[in-house]
């Protein structure tokens, strides 16, 4: 009985080694892409440049005079530009994480080959 179990475990281990790259670049990459997209959406929810853009012409603090509207417009314009830039940087970070996911097995194999 132990021989059959050991044979089965050995066969499964060999098959898993060959199946790993297929999984990594298909279903694994899909999971990693979904995780990165959720991370980007979370950053968009935190920074919310669209919300600032929607309220661009609404005066802040109830200051409906000309100076209040002018200061509110430029303050929100600066906020929109800064938050959009921060969101662009965050998108780059998310894209870098996904790229690392795709490149990591290749780098590990390359490092193992160069070590010998």
PDB file of N, CA and C in Angstrom:
ATOM      1  N   UNK A   1       0.818  -1.194   0.000  1.00  0.00           N
ATOM      2  CA  UNK A   1       0.000   0.000   0.000  1.00  0.00           C
ATOM      3  C   UNK A   1       0.867   1.266   0.000  1.00  0.00           C
ATOM      4  N   UNK A   2       1.942   1.252   0.801  1.00  0.00           N
ATOM      5  CA  UNK A   2       2.809   2.413   0.865  1.00  0.00           C
ATOM      6  C   UNK A   2       3.490   2.685  -0.471  1.00  0.00           C
ATOM      7  N   UNK A   3       3.798   1.637  -1.196  1.00  0.00           N
ATOM      8  CA  UNK A   3       4.441   1.798  -2.505  1.00  0.00           C
ATOM      9  C   UNK A   3       3.499   2.511  -3.464  1.00  0.00           C
ATOM     10  N   UNK A   4       2.228   2.149  -3.465  1.00  0.00           N
ATOM     11  CA  UNK A   4       1.249   2.809  -4.347  1.00  0.00           C
ATOM     12  C   UNK A   4       1.077   4.278  -3.989  1.00  0.00           C
ATOM     13  N   UNK A   5       1.048   4.557  -2.708  1.00  0.00           N
ATOM     14  CA  UNK A   5       0.890   5.950  -2.265  1.00  0.00           C
ATOM     15  C   UNK A   5       2.116   6.774  -2.652  1.00  0.00           C
ATOM     16  N   UNK A   6       3.303   6.230  -2.437  1.00  0.00           N
ATOM     17  CA  UNK A   6       4.526   6.944  -2.800  1.00  0.00           C
ATOM     18  C   UNK A   6       4.627   7.147  -4.305  1.00  0.00           C
ATOM     19  N   UNK A   7       4.221   6.146  -5.084  1.00  0.00           N
ATOM     20  CA  UNK A   7       4.233   6.299  -6.541  1.00  0.00           C
ATOM     21  C   UNK A   7       3.279   7.414  -6.963  1.00  0.00           C
ATOM     22  N   UNK A   8       2.099   7.407  -6.376  1.00  0.00           N
ATOM     23  CA  UNK A   8       1.106   8.427  -6.709  1.00  0.00           C
ATOM     24  C   UNK A   8       1.600   9.830  -6.333  1.00  0.00           C
ATOM     25  N   UNK A   9       2.188   9.972  -5.148  1.00  0.00           N
ATOM     26  CA  UNK A   9       2.725  11.263  -4.720  1.00  0.00           C
ATOM     27  C   UNK A   9       3.851  11.724  -5.637  1.00  0.00           C
ATOM     28  N   UNK A  10       4.737  10.812  -6.027  1.00  0.00           N
ATOM     29  CA  UNK A  10       5.829  11.152  -6.914  1.00  0.00           C
ATOM     30  C   UNK A  10       5.300  11.582  -8.275  1.00  0.00           C
ATOM     31  N   UNK A  11       4.331  10.865  -8.805  1.00  0.00           N
ATOM     32  CA  UNK A  11       3.737  11.205 -10.099  1.00  0.00           C
ATOM     33  C   UNK A  11       3.038  12.563 -10.041  1.00  0.00           C
ATOM     34  N   UNK A  12       2.300  12.821  -8.971  1.00  0.00           N
ATOM     35  CA  UNK A  12       1.625  14.115  -8.812  1.00  0.00           C
ATOM     36  C   UNK A  12       2.631  15.250  -8.701  1.00  0.00           C
ATOM     37  N   UNK A  13       3.727  15.022  -8.009  1.00  0.00           N
ATOM     38  CA  UNK A  13       4.746  16.058  -7.870  1.00  0.00           C
ATOM     39  C   UNK A  13       5.372  16.378  -9.224  1.00  0.00           C
ATOM     40  N   UNK A  14       5.662  15.374 -10.010  1.00  0.00           N
ATOM     41  CA  UNK A  14       6.238  15.582 -11.346  1.00  0.00           C
ATOM     42  C   UNK A  14       5.240  16.323 -12.235  1.00  0.00           C
ATOM     43  N   UNK A  15       3.979  15.919 -12.206  1.00  0.00           N
ATOM     44  CA  UNK A  15       2.964  16.594 -13.019  1.00  0.00           C
ATOM     45  C   UNK A  15       2.769  18.044 -12.574  1.00  0.00           C
ATOM     46  N   UNK A  16       2.830  18.302 -11.281  1.00  0.00           N
ATOM     47  CA  UNK A  16       2.699  19.678 -10.785  1.00  0.00           C
ATOM     48  C   UNK A  16       3.856  20.554 -11.244  1.00  0.00           C
ATOM     49  N   UNK A  17       5.034  19.993 -11.310  1.00  0.00           N
ATOM     50  CA  UNK A  17       6.190  20.764 -11.775  1.00  0.00           C
ATOM     51  C   UNK A  17       5.992  21.183 -13.230  1.00  0.00           C
ATOM     52  N   UNK A  18       5.471  20.284 -14.046  1.00  0.00           N
ATOM     53  CA  UNK A  18       5.253  20.625 -15.453  1.00  0.00           C
ATOM     54  C   UNK A  18       4.028  21.512 -15.650  1.00  0.00           C
ATOM     55  N   UNK A  19       3.040  21.403 -14.759  1.00  0.00           N
ATOM     56  CA  UNK A  19       1.826  22.205 -14.895  1.00  0.00           C
ATOM     57  C   UNK A  19       2.005  23.620 -14.344  1.00  0.00           C
ATOM     58  N   UNK A  20       2.997  23.831 -13.477  1.00  0.00           N
ATOM     59  CA  UNK A  20       3.180  25.121 -12.831  1.00  0.00           C
ATOM     60  C   UNK A  20       3.295  26.285 -13.812  1.00  0.00           C
ATOM     61  N   UNK A  21       4.139  26.229 -14.859  1.00  0.00           N
ATOM     62  CA  UNK A  21       4.218  27.377 -15.772  1.00  0.00           C
ATOM     63  C   UNK A  21       2.897  27.647 -16.504  1.00  0.00           C
ATOM     64  N   UNK A  22       2.183  26.585 -16.817  1.00  0.00           N
ATOM     65  CA  UNK A  22       0.888  26.768 -17.489  1.00  0.00           C
ATOM     66  C   UNK A  22      -0.059  27.505 -16.564  1.00  0.00           C
ATOM     67  N   UNK A  23      -0.133  27.092 -15.299  1.00  0.00           N
ATOM     68  CA  UNK A  23      -1.015  27.756 -14.350  1.00  0.00           C
ATOM     69  C   UNK A  23      -0.569  29.193 -14.105  1.00  0.00           C
ATOM     70  N   UNK A  24       0.747  29.409 -13.947  1.00  0.00           N
ATOM     71  CA  UNK A  24       1.277  30.734 -13.606  1.00  0.00           C
ATOM     72  C   UNK A  24       0.899  31.772 -14.650  1.00  0.00           C
ATOM     73  N   UNK A  25       0.960  31.396 -15.932  1.00  0.00           N
ATOM     74  CA  UNK A  25       0.715  32.357 -17.003  1.00  0.00           C
ATOM     75  C   UNK A  25      -0.717  32.332 -17.522  1.00  0.00           C
ATOM     76  N   UNK A  26      -1.591  31.506 -16.977  1.00  0.00           N
ATOM     77  CA  UNK A  26      -3.001  31.512 -17.392  1.00  0.00           C
ATOM     78  C   UNK A  26      -3.874  31.928 -16.210  1.00  0.00           C
ATOM     79  N   UNK A  27      -4.246  30.980 -15.378  1.00  0.00           N
ATOM     80  CA  UNK A  27      -5.141  31.285 -14.265  1.00  0.00           C
ATOM     81  C   UNK A  27      -4.465  32.156 -13.208  1.00  0.00           C
ATOM     82  N   UNK A  28      -3.194  31.885 -12.939  1.00  0.00           N
ATOM     83  CA  UNK A  28      -2.457  32.695 -11.961  1.00  0.00           C
ATOM     84  C   UNK A  28      -2.328  34.138 -12.407  1.00  0.00           C
ATOM     85  N   UNK A  29      -2.041  34.338 -13.697  1.00  0.00           N
ATOM     86  CA  UNK A  29      -1.943  35.708 -14.219  1.00  0.00           C
ATOM     87  C   UNK A  29      -3.310  36.395 -14.180  1.00  0.00           C
ATOM     88  N   UNK A  30      -4.366  35.621 -14.400  1.00  0.00           N
ATOM     89  CA  UNK A  30      -5.711  36.189 -14.286  1.00  0.00           C
ATOM     90  C   UNK A  30      -6.013  36.648 -12.870  1.00  0.00           C
ATOM     91  N   UNK A  31      -5.642  35.841 -11.888  1.00  0.00           N
ATOM     92  CA  UNK A  31      -5.832  36.231 -10.483  1.00  0.00           C
ATOM     93  C   UNK A  31      -4.984  37.446 -10.132  1.00  0.00           C
ATOM     94  N   UNK A  32      -3.745  37.464 -10.601  1.00  0.00           N
ATOM     95  CA  UNK A  32      -2.864  38.604 -10.324  1.00  0.00           C
ATOM     96  C   UNK A  32      -3.388  39.870 -10.992  1.00  0.00           C
ATOM     97  N   UNK A  33      -3.885  39.745 -12.217  1.00  0.00           N
ATOM     98  CA  UNK A  33      -4.462  40.900 -12.912  1.00  0.00           C
ATOM     99  C   UNK A  33      -5.688  41.435 -12.199  1.00  0.00           C
ATOM    100  N   UNK A  34      -6.525  40.522 -11.729  1.00  0.00           N
ATOM    101  CA  UNK A  34      -7.720  40.949 -10.982  1.00  0.00           C
ATOM    102  C   UNK A  34      -7.331  41.642  -9.690  1.00  0.00           C
ATOM    103  N   UNK A  35      -6.310  41.129  -8.997  1.00  0.00           N
ATOM    104  CA  UNK A  35      -5.845  41.743  -7.752  1.00  0.00           C
ATOM    105  C   UNK A  35      -5.283  43.137  -8.021  1.00  0.00           C
ATOM    106  N   UNK A  36      -4.502  43.272  -9.100  1.00  0.00           N
ATOM    107  CA  UNK A  36      -3.937  44.585  -9.437  1.00  0.00           C
ATOM    108  C   UNK A  36      -5.038  45.570  -9.822  1.00  0.00           C
ATOM    109  N   UNK A  37      -6.048  45.101 -10.543  1.00  0.00           N
ATOM    110  CA  UNK A  37      -7.157  45.976 -10.920  1.00  0.00           C
ATOM    111  C   UNK A  37      -7.926  46.434  -9.688  1.00  0.00           C
ATOM    112  N   UNK A  38      -8.148  45.535  -8.734  1.00  0.00           N
ATOM    113  CA  UNK A  38      -8.825  45.909  -7.485  1.00  0.00           C
ATOM    114  C   UNK A  38      -7.980  46.912  -6.695  1.00  0.00           C
ATOM    115  N   UNK A  39      -6.665  46.732  -6.733  1.00  0.00           N
ATOM    116  CA  UNK A  39      -5.773  47.672  -6.058  1.00  0.00           C
ATOM    117  C   UNK A  39      -5.876  49.058  -6.706  1.00  0.00           C
ATOM    118  N   UNK A  40      -5.946  49.104  -8.042  1.00  0.00           N
ATOM    119  CA  UNK A  40      -6.093  50.380  -8.746  1.00  0.00           C
ATOM    120  C   UNK A  40      -7.442  51.026  -8.425  1.00  0.00           C
ATOM    121  N   UNK A  41      -8.515  50.233  -8.403  1.00  0.00           N
ATOM    122  CA  UNK A  41      -9.831  50.785  -8.070  1.00  0.00           C
ATOM    123  C   UNK A  41      -9.858  51.327  -6.644  1.00  0.00           C
ATOM    124  N   UNK A  42      -9.166  50.656  -5.737  1.00  0.00           N
ATOM    125  CA  UNK A  42      -9.099  51.141  -4.356  1.00  0.00           C
ATOM    126  C   UNK A  42      -8.373  52.487  -4.308  1.00  0.00           C
ATOM    127  N   UNK A  43      -7.298  52.613  -5.065  1.00  0.00           N
ATOM    128  CA  UNK A  43      -6.598  53.897  -5.136  1.00  0.00           C
ATOM    129  C   UNK A  43      -7.469  54.982  -5.748  1.00  0.00           C
ATOM    130  N   UNK A  44      -8.256  54.622  -6.763  1.00  0.00           N
ATOM    131  CA  UNK A  44      -9.164  55.592  -7.379  1.00  0.00           C
ATOM    132  C   UNK A  44     -10.244  56.024  -6.389  1.00  0.00           C
ATOM    133  N   UNK A  45     -10.736  55.092  -5.595  1.00  0.00           N
ATOM    134  CA  UNK A  45     -11.735  55.459  -4.586  1.00  0.00           C
ATOM    135  C   UNK A  45     -11.147  56.369  -3.519  1.00  0.00           C
ATOM    136  N   UNK A  46      -9.885  56.147  -3.163  1.00  0.00           N
ATOM    137  CA  UNK A  46      -9.250  56.986  -2.139  1.00  0.00           C
ATOM    138  C   UNK A  46      -8.922  58.374  -2.673  1.00  0.00           C
ATOM    139  N   UNK A  47      -8.413  58.460  -3.892  1.00  0.00           N
ATOM    140  CA  UNK A  47      -8.017  59.761  -4.442  1.00  0.00           C
ATOM    141  C   UNK A  47      -9.201  60.526  -5.028  1.00  0.00           C
ATOM    142  N   UNK A  48     -10.116  59.841  -5.687  1.00  0.00           N
ATOM    143  CA  UNK A  48     -11.375  60.376  -6.221  1.00  0.00           C
ATOM    144  C   UNK A  48     -11.218  61.665  -7.037  1.00  0.00           C
ATOM    145  N   UNK A  49     -10.404  61.657  -8.098  1.00  0.00           N
ATOM    146  CA  UNK A  49     -10.301  62.878  -8.903  1.00  0.00           C
ATOM    147  C   UNK A  49     -11.605  63.193  -9.645  1.00  0.00           C
ATOM    148  N   UNK A  50     -12.394  62.188  -9.952  1.00  0.00           N
ATOM    149  CA  UNK A  50     -13.676  62.423 -10.617  1.00  0.00           C
ATOM    150  C   UNK A  50     -14.658  63.172  -9.736  1.00  0.00           C
ATOM    151  N   UNK A  51     -14.635  62.886  -8.453  1.00  0.00           N
ATOM    152  CA  UNK A  51     -15.504  63.594  -7.509  1.00  0.00           C
ATOM    153  C   UNK A  51     -15.106  65.057  -7.408  1.00  0.00           C
ATOM    154  N   UNK A  52     -13.816  65.319  -7.385  1.00  0.00           N
ATOM    155  CA  UNK A  52     -13.347  66.700  -7.359  1.00  0.00           C
ATOM    156  C   UNK A  52     -13.710  67.411  -8.654  1.00  0.00           C
ATOM    157  N   UNK A  53     -13.633  66.694  -9.771  1.00  0.00           N
ATOM    158  CA  UNK A  53     -13.977  67.289 -11.061  1.00  0.00           C
ATOM    159  C   UNK A  53     -15.467  67.611 -11.139  1.00  0.00           C
ATOM    160  N   UNK A  54     -16.293  66.751 -10.563  1.00  0.00           N
ATOM    161  CA  UNK A  54     -17.733  66.989 -10.578  1.00  0.00           C
ATOM    162  C   UNK A  54     -18.108  68.231  -9.766  1.00  0.00           C
ATOM    163  N   UNK A  55     -17.325  68.543  -8.742  1.00  0.00           N
ATOM    164  CA  UNK A  55     -17.613  69.693  -7.876  1.00  0.00           C
ATOM    165  C   UNK A  55     -16.698  70.876  -8.152  1.00  0.00           C
ATOM    166  N   UNK A  56     -16.153  70.955  -9.357  1.00  0.00           N
ATOM    167  CA  UNK A  56     -15.183  72.001  -9.687  1.00  0.00           C
ATOM    168  C   UNK A  56     -15.769  73.405  -9.530  1.00  0.00           C
ATOM    169  N   UNK A  57     -17.013  73.603  -9.931  1.00  0.00           N
ATOM    170  CA  UNK A  57     -17.613  74.942  -9.900  1.00  0.00           C
ATOM    171  C   UNK A  57     -18.497  75.183  -8.681  1.00  0.00           C
ATOM    172  N   UNK A  58     -18.472  74.267  -7.727  1.00  0.00           N
ATOM    173  CA  UNK A  58     -19.241  74.449  -6.488  1.00  0.00           C
ATOM    174  C   UNK A  58     -18.358  75.172  -5.485  1.00  0.00           C
ATOM    175  N   UNK A  59     -18.801  76.285  -4.939  1.00  0.00           N
ATOM    176  CA  UNK A  59     -17.960  77.030  -3.990  1.00  0.00           C
ATOM    177  C   UNK A  59     -17.768  76.249  -2.682  1.00  0.00           C
ATOM    178  N   UNK A  60     -16.582  76.368  -2.128  1.00  0.00           N
ATOM    179  CA  UNK A  60     -16.274  75.677  -0.874  1.00  0.00           C
ATOM    180  C   UNK A  60     -16.748  76.517   0.311  1.00  0.00           C
ATOM    181  N   UNK A  61     -17.144  75.852   1.359  1.00  0.00           N
ATOM    182  CA  UNK A  61     -17.526  76.460   2.632  1.00  0.00           C
ATOM    183  C   UNK A  61     -18.681  77.451   2.498  1.00  0.00           C
ATOM    184  N   UNK A  62     -19.491  77.302   1.469  1.00  0.00           N
ATOM    185  CA  UNK A  62     -20.642  78.179   1.309  1.00  0.00           C
ATOM    186  C   UNK A  62     -20.289  79.608   0.958  1.00  0.00           C
ATOM    187  N   UNK A  63     -19.124  79.857   0.437  1.00  0.00           N
ATOM    188  CA  UNK A  63     -18.690  81.201   0.044  1.00  0.00           C
ATOM    189  C   UNK A  63     -19.148  81.467  -1.387  1.00  0.00           C
ATOM    190  N   UNK A  64     -20.309  82.077  -1.540  1.00  0.00           N
ATOM    191  CA  UNK A  64     -20.892  82.289  -2.854  1.00  0.00           C
ATOM    192  C   UNK A  64     -20.507  83.631  -3.474  1.00  0.00           C
ATOM    193  N   UNK A  65     -19.645  84.400  -2.820  1.00  0.00           N
ATOM    194  CA  UNK A  65     -19.190  85.650  -3.424  1.00  0.00           C
ATOM    195  C   UNK A  65     -18.112  85.350  -4.477  1.00  0.00           C
ATOM    196  N   UNK A  66     -17.702  86.373  -5.212  1.00  0.00           N
ATOM    197  CA  UNK A  66     -16.767  86.185  -6.316  1.00  0.00           C
ATOM    198  C   UNK A  66     -15.422  85.632  -5.847  1.00  0.00           C
ATOM    199  N   UNK A  67     -14.882  86.164  -4.755  1.00  0.00           N
ATOM    200  CA  UNK A  67     -13.590  85.718  -4.266  1.00  0.00           C
ATOM    201  C   UNK A  67     -13.658  84.262  -3.791  1.00  0.00           C
ATOM    202  N   UNK A  68     -14.740  83.915  -3.128  1.00  0.00           N
ATOM    203  CA  UNK A  68     -14.901  82.534  -2.664  1.00  0.00           C
ATOM    204  C   UNK A  68     -14.973  81.554  -3.823  1.00  0.00           C
ATOM    205  N   UNK A  69     -15.710  81.923  -4.867  1.00  0.00           N
ATOM    206  CA  UNK A  69     -15.808  81.060  -6.048  1.00  0.00           C
ATOM    207  C   UNK A  69     -14.457  80.947  -6.757  1.00  0.00           C
ATOM    208  N   UNK A  70     -13.732  82.051  -6.845  1.00  0.00           N
ATOM    209  CA  UNK A  70     -12.439  82.053  -7.528  1.00  0.00           C
ATOM    210  C   UNK A  70     -11.425  81.183  -6.778  1.00  0.00           C
ATOM    211  N   UNK A  71     -11.333  81.359  -5.475  1.00  0.00           N
ATOM    212  CA  UNK A  71     -10.406  80.557  -4.677  1.00  0.00           C
ATOM    213  C   UNK A  71     -10.803  79.081  -4.723  1.00  0.00           C
ATOM    214  N   UNK A  72     -12.089  78.792  -4.635  1.00  0.00           N
ATOM    215  CA  UNK A  72     -12.558  77.412  -4.678  1.00  0.00           C
ATOM    216  C   UNK A  72     -12.226  76.759  -6.015  1.00  0.00           C
ATOM    217  N   UNK A  73     -12.416  77.498  -7.111  1.00  0.00           N
ATOM    218  CA  UNK A  73     -12.127  76.944  -8.435  1.00  0.00           C
ATOM    219  C   UNK A  73     -10.655  76.573  -8.565  1.00  0.00           C
ATOM    220  N   UNK A  74      -9.767  77.498  -8.214  1.00  0.00           N
ATOM    221  CA  UNK A  74      -8.342  77.214  -8.379  1.00  0.00           C
ATOM    222  C   UNK A  74      -7.842  76.174  -7.380  1.00  0.00           C
ATOM    223  N   UNK A  75      -8.383  76.175  -6.189  1.00  0.00           N
ATOM    224  CA  UNK A  75      -7.985  75.170  -5.201  1.00  0.00           C
ATOM    225  C   UNK A  75      -8.395  73.777  -5.675  1.00  0.00           C
ATOM    226  N   UNK A  76      -9.598  73.662  -6.178  1.00  0.00           N
ATOM    227  CA  UNK A  76     -10.048  72.360  -6.687  1.00  0.00           C
ATOM    228  C   UNK A  76      -9.297  71.965  -7.953  1.00  0.00           C
ATOM    229  N   UNK A  77      -8.957  72.930  -8.788  1.00  0.00           N
ATOM    230  CA  UNK A  77      -8.190  72.633  -9.996  1.00  0.00           C
ATOM    231  C   UNK A  77      -6.818  72.058  -9.626  1.00  0.00           C
ATOM    232  N   UNK A  78      -6.165  72.630  -8.638  1.00  0.00           N
ATOM    233  CA  UNK A  78      -4.878  72.116  -8.169  1.00  0.00           C
ATOM    234  C   UNK A  78      -5.060  70.711  -7.589  1.00  0.00           C
ATOM    235  N   UNK A  79      -6.115  70.512  -6.828  1.00  0.00           N
ATOM    236  CA  UNK A  79      -6.395  69.197  -6.252  1.00  0.00           C
ATOM    237  C   UNK A  79      -6.631  68.149  -7.348  1.00  0.00           C
ATOM    238  N   UNK A  80      -7.369  68.509  -8.389  1.00  0.00           N
ATOM    239  CA  UNK A  80      -7.653  67.576  -9.484  1.00  0.00           C
ATOM    240  C   UNK A  80      -6.365  67.179 -10.188  1.00  0.00           C
ATOM    241  N   UNK A  81      -5.515  68.158 -10.468  1.00  0.00           N
ATOM    242  CA  UNK A  81      -4.249  67.869 -11.157  1.00  0.00           C
ATOM    243  C   UNK A  81      -3.365  66.984 -10.284  1.00  0.00           C
ATOM    244  N   UNK A  82      -3.243  67.312  -9.013  1.00  0.00           N
ATOM    245  CA  UNK A  82      -2.391  66.530  -8.111  1.00  0.00           C
ATOM    246  C   UNK A  82      -2.930  65.116  -7.919  1.00  0.00           C
ATOM    247  N   UNK A  83      -4.236  64.990  -7.751  1.00  0.00           N
ATOM    248  CA  UNK A  83      -4.821  63.667  -7.540  1.00  0.00           C
ATOM    249  C   UNK A  83      -4.779  62.818  -8.811  1.00  0.00           C
ATOM    250  N   UNK A  84      -4.960  63.434  -9.959  1.00  0.00           N
ATOM    251  CA  UNK A  84      -4.847  62.693 -11.213  1.00  0.00           C
ATOM    252  C   UNK A  84      -3.418  62.206 -11.425  1.00  0.00           C
ATOM    253  N   UNK A  85      -2.441  63.042 -11.095  1.00  0.00           N
ATOM    254  CA  UNK A  85      -1.042  62.628 -11.199  1.00  0.00           C
ATOM    255  C   UNK A  85      -0.746  61.492 -10.219  1.00  0.00           C
ATOM    256  N   UNK A  86      -1.241  61.604  -8.989  1.00  0.00           N
ATOM    257  CA  UNK A  86      -1.034  60.539  -8.004  1.00  0.00           C
ATOM    258  C   UNK A  86      -1.694  59.244  -8.461  1.00  0.00           C
ATOM    259  N   UNK A  87      -2.865  59.344  -9.092  1.00  0.00           N
ATOM    260  CA  UNK A  87      -3.534  58.150  -9.604  1.00  0.00           C
ATOM    261  C   UNK A  87      -2.746  57.539 -10.762  1.00  0.00           C
ATOM    262  N   UNK A  88      -2.139  58.356 -11.584  1.00  0.00           N
ATOM    263  CA  UNK A  88      -1.299  57.861 -12.666  1.00  0.00           C
ATOM    264  C   UNK A  88      -0.075  57.133 -12.099  1.00  0.00           C
ATOM    265  N   UNK A  89       0.535  57.676 -11.067  1.00  0.00           N
ATOM    266  CA  UNK A  89       1.661  57.005 -10.419  1.00  0.00           C
ATOM    267  C   UNK A  89       1.201  55.688  -9.806  1.00  0.00           C
ATOM    268  N   UNK A  90       0.032  55.688  -9.169  1.00  0.00           N
ATOM    269  CA  UNK A  90      -0.510  54.471  -8.568  1.00  0.00           C
ATOM    270  C   UNK A  90      -0.781  53.409  -9.635  1.00  0.00           C
ATOM    271  N   UNK A  91      -1.259  53.837 -10.812  1.00  0.00           N
ATOM    272  CA  UNK A  91      -1.459  52.908 -11.919  1.00  0.00           C
ATOM    273  C   UNK A  91      -0.123  52.299 -12.347  1.00  0.00           C
ATOM    274  N   UNK A  92       0.932  53.105 -12.365  1.00  0.00           N
ATOM    275  CA  UNK A  92       2.255  52.590 -12.679  1.00  0.00           C
ATOM    276  C   UNK A  92       2.731  51.558 -11.667  1.00  0.00           C
ATOM    277  N   UNK A  93       2.437  51.793 -10.391  1.00  0.00           N
ATOM    278  CA  UNK A  93       2.802  50.839  -9.341  1.00  0.00           C
ATOM    279  C   UNK A  93       2.044  49.531  -9.541  1.00  0.00           C
ATOM    280  N   UNK A  94       0.750  49.619  -9.825  1.00  0.00           N
ATOM    281  CA  UNK A  94      -0.053  48.415 -10.056  1.00  0.00           C
ATOM    282  C   UNK A  94       0.448  47.651 -11.279  1.00  0.00           C
ATOM    283  N   UNK A  95       0.786  48.377 -12.326  1.00  0.00           N
ATOM    284  CA  UNK A  95       1.320  47.751 -13.532  1.00  0.00           C
ATOM    285  C   UNK A  95       2.675  47.110 -13.250  1.00  0.00           C
ATOM    286  N   UNK A  96       3.483  47.733 -12.410  1.00  0.00           N
ATOM    287  CA  UNK A  96       4.779  47.159 -12.040  1.00  0.00           C
ATOM    288  C   UNK A  96       4.597  45.860 -11.256  1.00  0.00           C
ATOM    289  N   UNK A  97       3.616  45.832 -10.346  1.00  0.00           N
ATOM    290  CA  UNK A  97       3.347  44.595  -9.607  1.00  0.00           C
ATOM    291  C   UNK A  97       2.966  43.467 -10.556  1.00  0.00           C
ATOM    292  N   UNK A  98       2.107  43.766 -11.524  1.00  0.00           N
ATOM    293  CA  UNK A  98       1.694  42.739 -12.479  1.00  0.00           C
ATOM    294  C   UNK A  98       2.871  42.297 -13.345  1.00  0.00           C
ATOM    295  N   UNK A  99       3.720  43.225 -13.729  1.00  0.00           N
ATOM    296  CA  UNK A  99       4.898  42.877 -14.528  1.00  0.00           C
ATOM    297  C   UNK A  99       5.849  41.993 -13.739  1.00  0.00           C
ATOM    298  N   UNK A 100       6.019  42.277 -12.465  1.00  0.00           N
ATOM    299  CA  UNK A 100       6.868  41.440 -11.618  1.00  0.00           C
ATOM    300  C   UNK A 100       6.286  40.031 -11.539  1.00  0.00           C
ATOM    301  N   UNK A 101       4.974  39.912 -11.450  1.00  0.00           N
ATOM    302  CA  UNK A 101       4.328  38.597 -11.429  1.00  0.00           C
ATOM    303  C   UNK A 101       4.685  37.819 -12.688  1.00  0.00           C
ATOM    304  N   UNK A 102       4.661  38.470 -13.829  1.00  0.00           N
ATOM    305  CA  UNK A 102       4.935  37.772 -15.084  1.00  0.00           C
ATOM    306  C   UNK A 102       6.418  37.431 -15.247  1.00  0.00           C
ATOM    307  N   UNK A 103       7.300  38.270 -14.748  1.00  0.00           N
ATOM    308  CA  UNK A 103       8.735  38.089 -14.977  1.00  0.00           C
ATOM    309  C   UNK A 103       9.393  37.224 -13.901  1.00  0.00           C
ATOM    310  N   UNK A 104       8.795  37.118 -12.734  1.00  0.00           N
ATOM    311  CA  UNK A 104       9.433  36.442 -11.603  1.00  0.00           C
ATOM    312  C   UNK A 104       9.884  35.013 -11.895  1.00  0.00           C
ATOM    313  N   UNK A 105       9.078  34.130 -12.478  1.00  0.00           N
ATOM    314  CA  UNK A 105       9.575  32.770 -12.730  1.00  0.00           C
ATOM    315  C   UNK A 105      10.770  32.743 -13.691  1.00  0.00           C
ATOM    316  N   UNK A 106      10.761  33.621 -14.673  1.00  0.00           N
ATOM    317  CA  UNK A 106      11.869  33.668 -15.623  1.00  0.00           C
ATOM    318  C   UNK A 106      13.150  34.085 -14.913  1.00  0.00           C
ATOM    319  N   UNK A 107      13.054  35.078 -14.024  1.00  0.00           N
ATOM    320  CA  UNK A 107      14.231  35.520 -13.280  1.00  0.00           C
ATOM    321  C   UNK A 107      14.754  34.438 -12.335  1.00  0.00           C
ATOM    322  N   UNK A 108      13.853  33.702 -11.718  1.00  0.00           N
ATOM    323  CA  UNK A 108      14.268  32.641 -10.808  1.00  0.00           C
ATOM    324  C   UNK A 108      14.976  31.530 -11.579  1.00  0.00           C
ATOM    325  N   UNK A 109      14.418  31.112 -12.694  1.00  0.00           N
ATOM    326  CA  UNK A 109      15.042  30.069 -13.517  1.00  0.00           C
ATOM    327  C   UNK A 109      16.399  30.550 -14.035  1.00  0.00           C
ATOM    328  N   UNK A 110      16.459  31.785 -14.480  1.00  0.00           N
ATOM    329  CA  UNK A 110      17.729  32.358 -14.970  1.00  0.00           C
ATOM    330  C   UNK A 110      18.773  32.378 -13.857  1.00  0.00           C
ATOM    331  N   UNK A 111      18.360  32.764 -12.661  1.00  0.00           N
ATOM    332  CA  UNK A 111      19.271  32.771 -11.531  1.00  0.00           C
ATOM    333  C   UNK A 111      19.751  31.381 -11.163  1.00  0.00           C
ATOM    334  N   UNK A 112      18.885  30.399 -11.262  1.00  0.00           N
ATOM    335  CA  UNK A 112      19.287  29.018 -10.979  1.00  0.00           C
ATOM    336  C   UNK A 112      20.269  28.507 -12.018  1.00  0.00           C
ATOM    337  N   UNK A 113      20.050  28.872 -13.274  1.00  0.00           N
ATOM    338  CA  UNK A 113      20.959  28.431 -14.340  1.00  0.00           C
ATOM    339  C   UNK A 113      22.325  29.108 -14.184  1.00  0.00           C
ATOM    340  N   UNK A 114      22.331  30.385 -13.860  1.00  0.00           N
ATOM    341  CA  UNK A 114      23.600  31.090 -13.696  1.00  0.00           C
ATOM    342  C   UNK A 114      24.362  30.645 -12.442  1.00  0.00           C
ATOM    343  N   UNK A 115      23.661  30.105 -11.468  1.00  0.00           N
ATOM    344  CA  UNK A 115      24.307  29.651 -10.243  1.00  0.00           C
ATOM    345  C   UNK A 115      25.142  28.412 -10.486  1.00  0.00           C
ATOM    346  N   UNK A 116      24.801  27.641 -11.500  1.00  0.00           N
ATOM    347  CA  UNK A 116      25.552  26.417 -11.789  1.00  0.00           C
ATOM    348  C   UNK A 116      26.619  26.624 -12.767  1.00  0.00           C
TER     349      UNK A 116
END
